[in-house]
C-alpha atoms as a PDB file:
ATOM      1  CA  MET A   1     -73.038 -14.316  42.805  1.00  0.00           C
ATOM      2  CA  ILE A   2     -76.114 -12.168  42.245  1.00  0.00           C
ATOM      3  CA  ALA A   3     -75.270 -10.015  39.205  1.00  0.00           C
ATOM      4  CA  GLY A   4     -78.642  -8.331  38.843  1.00  0.00           C
ATOM      5  CA  ILE A   5     -82.133  -8.078  40.292  1.00  0.00           C
ATOM      6  CA  SER A   6     -85.310  -7.422  38.330  1.00  0.00           C
ATOM      7  CA  GLY A   7     -88.497  -6.700  40.188  1.00  0.00           C
ATOM      8  CA  ARG A   8     -90.939  -4.241  41.709  1.00  0.00           C
ATOM      9  CA  VAL A   9     -89.808  -1.686  44.272  1.00  0.00           C
ATOM     10  CA  LEU A  10     -91.907  -2.293  47.379  1.00  0.00           C
ATOM     11  CA  LYS A  11     -90.339   0.361  49.575  1.00  0.00           C
ATOM     12  CA  LYS A  12     -87.658   3.028  49.545  1.00  0.00           C
ATOM     13  CA  SER A  13     -86.004   4.180  52.741  1.00  0.00           C
ATOM     14  CA  GLY A  14     -83.159   6.578  52.024  1.00  0.00           C
ATOM     15  CA  ASN A  15     -80.787   4.665  49.790  1.00  0.00           C
ATOM     16  CA  VAL A  16     -82.148   1.231  50.795  1.00  0.00           C
ATOM     17  CA  LEU A  17     -84.670  -0.437  48.497  1.00  0.00           C
ATOM     18  CA  LEU A  18     -86.882  -3.462  49.036  1.00  0.00           C
ATOM     19  CA  VAL A  19     -87.306  -5.134  45.645  1.00  0.00           C
ATOM     20  CA  GLU A  20     -89.686  -8.057  45.100  1.00  0.00           C
ATOM     21  CA  THR A  21     -88.840 -10.405  42.245  1.00  0.00           C
ATOM     22  CA  LYS A  22     -91.484 -12.239  40.192  1.00  0.00           C
ATOM     23  CA  SER A  23     -90.810 -15.359  42.247  1.00  0.00           C
ATOM     24  CA  GLY A  24     -91.872 -13.472  45.396  1.00  0.00           C
ATOM     25  CA  VAL A  25     -88.431 -13.137  46.977  1.00  0.00           C
ATOM     26  CA  VAL A  26     -87.808  -9.687  48.476  1.00  0.00           C
ATOM     27  CA  PHE A  27     -84.246  -8.355  48.414  1.00  0.00           C
ATOM     28  CA  GLU A  28     -82.899  -5.501  50.516  1.00  0.00           C
ATOM     29  CA  ILE A  29     -80.567  -3.549  48.239  1.00  0.00           C
ATOM     30  CA  VAL A  30     -78.308  -0.648  49.261  1.00  0.00           C
ATOM     31  CA  CYS A  31     -77.960   1.842  46.379  1.00  0.00           C
ATOM     32  CA  ASP A  32     -76.136   5.019  45.528  1.00  0.00           C
ATOM     33  CA  VAL A  33     -78.218   8.193  45.911  1.00  0.00           C
ATOM     34  CA  GLN A  34     -78.847   8.696  42.181  1.00  0.00           C
ATOM     35  CA  THR A  35     -80.085   5.127  41.680  1.00  0.00           C
ATOM     36  CA  SER A  36     -82.393   5.468  44.669  1.00  0.00           C
ATOM     37  CA  GLU A  37     -83.791   8.705  43.221  1.00  0.00           C
ATOM     38  CA  GLU A  38     -84.318   7.139  39.775  1.00  0.00           C
ATOM     39  CA  VAL A  39     -86.519   4.253  40.931  1.00  0.00           C
ATOM     40  CA  LYS A  40     -90.089   4.735  42.164  1.00  0.00           C
ATOM     41  CA  GLU A  41     -92.053   2.733  44.690  1.00  0.00           C
ATOM     42  CA  GLY A  42     -94.477   0.353  43.009  1.00  0.00           C
ATOM     43  CA  GLU A  43     -92.623   0.397  39.687  1.00  0.00           C
ATOM     44  CA  GLU A  44     -90.509  -2.264  38.013  1.00  0.00           C
ATOM     45  CA  CYS A  45     -86.742  -1.827  37.938  1.00  0.00           C
ATOM     46  CA  PHE A  46     -83.547  -3.645  37.072  1.00  0.00           C
ATOM     47  CA  LEU A  47     -80.447  -3.143  39.197  1.00  0.00           C
ATOM     48  CA  HIS A  48     -76.900  -4.334  38.526  1.00  0.00           C
ATOM     49  CA  THR A  49     -75.870  -5.823  41.863  1.00  0.00           C
ATOM     50  CA  PHE A  50     -72.871  -6.905  43.880  1.00  0.00           C
ATOM     51  CA  LEU A  51     -73.138  -9.196  46.897  1.00  0.00           C
ATOM     52  CA  ASN A  52     -70.611  -8.255  49.580  1.00  0.00           C
ATOM     53  CA  VAL A  53     -69.852 -10.768  52.323  1.00  0.00           C
ATOM     54  CA  SER A  54     -67.786  -9.483  55.243  1.00  0.00           C
ATOM     55  CA  GLN A  55     -67.442  -9.953  58.981  1.00  0.00           C
ATOM     56  CA  ASP A  56     -70.058  -7.194  59.385  1.00  0.00           C
ATOM     57  CA  GLY A  57     -72.643  -9.190  57.438  1.00  0.00           C
ATOM     58  CA  ILE A  58     -73.972  -9.720  53.949  1.00  0.00           C
ATOM     59  CA  THR A  59     -74.968  -6.664  51.913  1.00  0.00           C
ATOM     60  CA  LEU A  60     -76.402  -6.474  48.425  1.00  0.00           C
ATOM     61  CA  TYR A  61     -75.420  -3.267  46.594  1.00  0.00           C
ATOM     62  CA  GLY A  62     -77.390  -2.100  43.554  1.00  0.00           C
ATOM     63  CA  PHE A  63     -76.671   0.296  40.687  1.00  0.00           C
ATOM     64  CA  SER A  64     -78.767   1.687  37.832  1.00  0.00           C
ATOM     65  CA  ASN A  65     -76.058   0.944  35.268  1.00  0.00           C
ATOM     66  CA  GLU A  66     -73.078  -1.313  34.735  1.00  0.00           C
ATOM     67  CA  ARG A  67     -70.612   1.620  34.684  1.00  0.00           C
ATOM     68  CA  LYS A  68     -71.456   2.575  38.279  1.00  0.00           C
ATOM     69  CA  LYS A  69     -71.080  -1.028  39.384  1.00  0.00           C
ATOM     70  CA  GLU A  70     -67.672  -1.331  37.689  1.00  0.00           C
ATOM     71  CA  LEU A  71     -66.488   1.907  39.303  1.00  0.00           C
ATOM     72  CA  PHE A  72     -67.776   0.729  42.695  1.00  0.00           C
ATOM     73  CA  LEU A  73     -65.864  -2.550  42.337  1.00  0.00           C
ATOM     74  CA  SER A  74     -62.695  -0.686  41.315  1.00  0.00           C
ATOM     75  CA  LEU A  75     -62.980   1.631  44.329  1.00  0.00           C
ATOM     76  CA  THR A  76     -63.431  -1.303  46.724  1.00  0.00           C
ATOM     77  CA  LYS A  77     -60.081  -2.684  45.509  1.00  0.00           C
ATOM     78  CA  VAL A  78     -58.285   0.412  46.838  1.00  0.00           C
ATOM     79  CA  SER A  79     -56.521  -0.429  50.092  1.00  0.00           C
ATOM     80  CA  ARG A  80     -58.412   0.623  53.233  1.00  0.00           C
ATOM     81  CA  LEU A  81     -61.441   1.727  51.192  1.00  0.00           C
ATOM     82  CA  GLY A  82     -64.527  -0.325  51.928  1.00  0.00           C
ATOM     83  CA  PRO A  83     -67.842  -0.644  50.115  1.00  0.00           C
ATOM     84  CA  LYS A  84     -69.567   1.978  52.299  1.00  0.00           C
ATOM     85  CA  THR A  85     -66.969   4.616  51.399  1.00  0.00           C
ATOM     86  CA  ALA A  86     -67.011   3.558  47.729  1.00  0.00           C
ATOM     87  CA  LEU A  87     -70.806   3.961  47.699  1.00  0.00           C
ATOM     88  CA  LYS A  88     -70.502   7.390  49.339  1.00  0.00           C
ATOM     89  CA  ILE A  89     -68.032   8.468  46.632  1.00  0.00           C
ATOM     90  CA  ILE A  90     -70.314   7.278  43.826  1.00  0.00           C
ATOM     91  CA  SER A  91     -73.301   8.946  45.491  1.00  0.00           C
ATOM     92  CA  ASN A  92     -71.592  12.348  45.486  1.00  0.00           C
ATOM     93  CA  GLU A  93     -70.339  12.460  41.896  1.00  0.00           C
ATOM     94  CA  ASP A  94     -71.364  10.884  38.595  1.00  0.00           C
ATOM     95  CA  ALA A  95     -69.320   7.931  37.364  1.00  0.00           C
ATOM     96  CA  GLU A  96     -67.806   9.603  34.300  1.00  0.00           C
ATOM     97  CA  THR A  97     -66.607  12.605  36.303  1.00  0.00           C
ATOM     98  CA  LEU A  98     -65.045  10.288  38.890  1.00  0.00           C
ATOM     99  CA  VAL A  99     -63.249   8.315  36.180  1.00  0.00           C
ATOM    100  CA  THR A 100     -61.959  11.575  34.683  1.00  0.00           C
ATOM    101  CA  MET A 101     -60.813  12.810  38.110  1.00  0.00           C
ATOM    102  CA  ILE A 102     -58.952   9.561  38.811  1.00  0.00           C
ATOM    103  CA  ALA A 103     -57.416   9.334  35.331  1.00  0.00           C
ATOM    104  CA  SER A 104     -56.226  12.935  35.434  1.00  0.00           C
ATOM    105  CA  GLN A 105     -54.905  12.481  38.993  1.00  0.00           C
ATOM    106  CA  ASP A 106     -57.196  15.202  40.357  1.00  0.00           C
ATOM    107  CA  VAL A 107     -56.434  14.655  44.055  1.00  0.00           C
ATOM    108  CA  GLU A 108     -57.773  18.120  44.871  1.00  0.00           C
ATOM    109  CA  GLY A 109     -61.175  17.391  43.309  1.00  0.00           C
ATOM    110  CA  LEU A 110     -61.474  13.949  44.904  1.00  0.00           C
ATOM    111  CA  SER A 111     -60.552  15.283  48.347  1.00  0.00           C
ATOM    112  CA  LYS A 112     -63.469  17.749  48.124  1.00  0.00           C
ATOM    113  CA  LEU A 113     -65.931  14.843  48.134  1.00  0.00           C
ATOM    114  CA  PRO A 114     -67.587  14.290  51.544  1.00  0.00           C
ATOM    115  CA  GLY A 115     -65.621  11.911  53.751  1.00  0.00           C
ATOM    116  CA  ILE A 116     -62.567  11.738  51.468  1.00  0.00           C
ATOM    117  CA  SER A 117     -59.329  13.004  52.935  1.00  0.00           C
ATOM    118  CA  LYS A 118     -56.390  14.098  50.826  1.00  0.00           C
ATOM    119  CA  LYS A 119     -54.534  10.893  51.749  1.00  0.00           C
ATOM    120  CA  THR A 120     -57.484   8.752  50.668  1.00  0.00           C
ATOM    121  CA  ALA A 121     -57.756  10.720  47.403  1.00  0.00           C
ATOM    122  CA  GLU A 122     -54.028  10.199  46.778  1.00  0.00           C
ATOM    123  CA  ARG A 123     -54.402   6.465  47.445  1.00  0.00           C
ATOM    124  CA  ILE A 124     -57.362   6.232  45.028  1.00  0.00           C
ATOM    125  CA  VAL A 125     -55.398   8.013  42.300  1.00  0.00           C
ATOM    126  CA  MET A 126     -52.236   5.992  42.918  1.00  0.00           C
ATOM    127  CA  GLU A 127     -54.013   2.633  42.796  1.00  0.00           C
ATOM    128  CA  LEU A 128     -56.530   3.306  39.997  1.00  0.00           C
ATOM    129  CA  LYS A 129     -54.984   5.890  37.640  1.00  0.00           C
ATOM    130  CA  ASP A 130     -53.617   3.287  35.210  1.00  0.00           C
ATOM    131  CA  GLU A 131     -56.994   1.576  35.017  1.00  0.00           C
ATOM    132  CA  PHE A 132     -58.699   4.813  33.900  1.00  0.00           C
ATOM    133  CA  GLU A 133     -55.857   6.749  32.236  1.00  0.00           C
ATOM    134  CA  SER A 134     -57.420   7.031  28.770  1.00  0.00           C
ATOM    135  CA  ALA A 135     -60.410   8.999  30.113  1.00  0.00           C
ATOM    136  CA  GLY A 136     -58.497  11.904  31.636  1.00  0.00           C
ATOM    137  CA  ILE A 137     -58.335  15.569  30.778  1.00  0.00           C
ATOM    138  CA  LYS A 138     -54.773  16.275  29.697  1.00  0.00           C
ATOM    139  CA  ASP A 139     -54.292  19.814  31.044  1.00  0.00           C
ATOM    140  CA  MET A 140     -55.534  19.968  34.636  1.00  0.00           C
ATOM    141  CA  ARG A 141     -54.570  23.650  34.964  1.00  0.00           C
ATOM    142  CA  ILE A 142     -57.157  24.604  32.328  1.00  0.00           C
ATOM    143  CA  TYR A 143     -59.687  22.265  33.949  1.00  0.00           C
ATOM    144  CA  HIS A 144     -59.227  23.810  37.420  1.00  0.00           C
ATOM    145  CA  GLU A 145     -59.206  27.389  36.135  1.00  0.00           C
ATOM    146  CA  SER A 146     -62.443  26.789  34.223  1.00  0.00           C
ATOM    147  CA  LEU A 147     -64.038  25.041  37.181  1.00  0.00           C
ATOM    148  CA  GLU A 148     -63.100  27.892  39.535  1.00  0.00           C
ATOM    149  CA  ALA A 149     -64.489  30.470  37.084  1.00  0.00           C
ATOM    150  CA  LEU A 150     -67.848  28.696  36.848  1.00  0.00           C
ATOM    151  CA  VAL A 151     -68.091  28.287  40.619  1.00  0.00           C
ATOM    152  CA  SER A 152     -67.252  31.978  41.119  1.00  0.00           C
ATOM    153  CA  LEU A 153     -70.139  32.770  38.741  1.00  0.00           C
ATOM    154  CA  GLY A 154     -72.466  30.964  41.145  1.00  0.00           C
ATOM    155  CA  TYR A 155     -72.780  27.494  39.619  1.00  0.00           C
ATOM    156  CA  PRO A 156     -72.683  24.555  42.055  1.00  0.00           C
ATOM    157  CA  GLU A 157     -69.353  22.740  41.833  1.00  0.00           C
ATOM    158  CA  LYS A 158     -70.965  19.452  40.822  1.00  0.00           C
ATOM    159  CA  GLN A 159     -72.769  21.097  37.873  1.00  0.00           C
ATOM    160  CA  ALA A 160     -69.627  22.998  36.900  1.00  0.00           C
ATOM    161  CA  ARG A 161     -67.563  19.776  36.879  1.00  0.00           C
ATOM    162  CA  GLU A 162     -70.149  18.047  34.705  1.00  0.00           C
ATOM    163  CA  ALA A 163     -70.223  20.945  32.239  1.00  0.00           C
ATOM    164  CA  VAL A 164     -66.435  21.224  31.974  1.00  0.00           C
ATOM    165  CA  LYS A 165     -66.058  17.470  31.528  1.00  0.00           C
ATOM    166  CA  HIS A 166     -68.840  17.362  28.934  1.00  0.00           C
ATOM    167  CA  VAL A 167     -67.496  20.116  26.660  1.00  0.00           C
ATOM    168  CA  TYR A 168     -63.734  19.628  27.102  1.00  0.00           C
ATOM    169  CA  ARG A 169     -61.727  18.906  23.970  1.00  0.00           C
ATOM    170  CA  GLU A 170     -57.967  18.531  23.887  1.00  0.00           C
ATOM    171  CA  GLY A 171     -56.209  21.756  22.928  1.00  0.00           C
ATOM    172  CA  MET A 172     -58.910  24.084  24.290  1.00  0.00           C
ATOM    173  CA  LYS A 173     -57.875  27.300  26.013  1.00  0.00           C
ATOM    174  CA  THR A 174     -59.352  28.207  29.386  1.00  0.00           C
ATOM    175  CA  SER A 175     -61.537  30.947  27.890  1.00  0.00           C
ATOM    176  CA  GLU A 176     -62.910  28.555  25.248  1.00  0.00           C
ATOM    177  CA  LEU A 177     -63.660  25.912  27.833  1.00  0.00           C
ATOM    178  CA  ILE A 178     -65.494  28.403  30.083  1.00  0.00           C
ATOM    179  CA  LYS A 179     -67.507  29.743  27.121  1.00  0.00           C
ATOM    180  CA  GLU A 180     -68.546  26.243  25.994  1.00  0.00           C
ATOM    181  CA  ALA A 181     -69.354  25.176  29.566  1.00  0.00           C
ATOM    182  CA  LEU A 182     -71.568  28.262  30.016  1.00  0.00           C
ATOM    183  CA  LYS A 183     -73.437  27.368  26.810  1.00  0.00           C
ATOM    184  CA  PHE A 184     -73.897  23.821  28.082  1.00  0.00           C
ATOM    185  CA  LEU A 185     -75.166  25.033  31.474  1.00  0.00           C
ATOM    186  CA  SER A 186     -77.604  27.506  29.905  1.00  0.00           C
ATOM    187  CA  GLN A 187     -79.220  24.674  27.921  1.00  0.00           C
ATOM    188  CA  ARG A 188     -80.010  22.613  31.026  1.00  0.00           C
END
């Protein structure tokens, strides 16, 4: 298995990178959007990788950190959810927010991600919730109310989710969570 690649980025094309190792071997690596944005052509990088062999071919997937790779591997274990869909999910939300959404059984939030139906979101939650249960927000009503309030104030949903997740502490009231999230967003 190829667990990681270290080398210079020769070319970026969307979320596909060509990375040349010191030995001169060039690997084509499919990445999530954030990883692709983080690396620069001509610069050195290290990617945590997973080699997927299927009837469609051999694909090397790369991630900027181990957490994304672990989440990707967990998502690919969900029935009828392949690596392309798992990569799309990771590309549209940060890893910690996804873990929180799965752990807290936030089917509504997951189904808002591009290409994820409600049934797929339910399947993800059903099959992975136990794996991530310790990371969840306990009171989803407060979470959703706070998220809706921030979105209604004009913040993009992705930023609002990040803020709510970042400042949430158990026992918070909705008004406290919104206030703390607004402080967090104003500092960015």
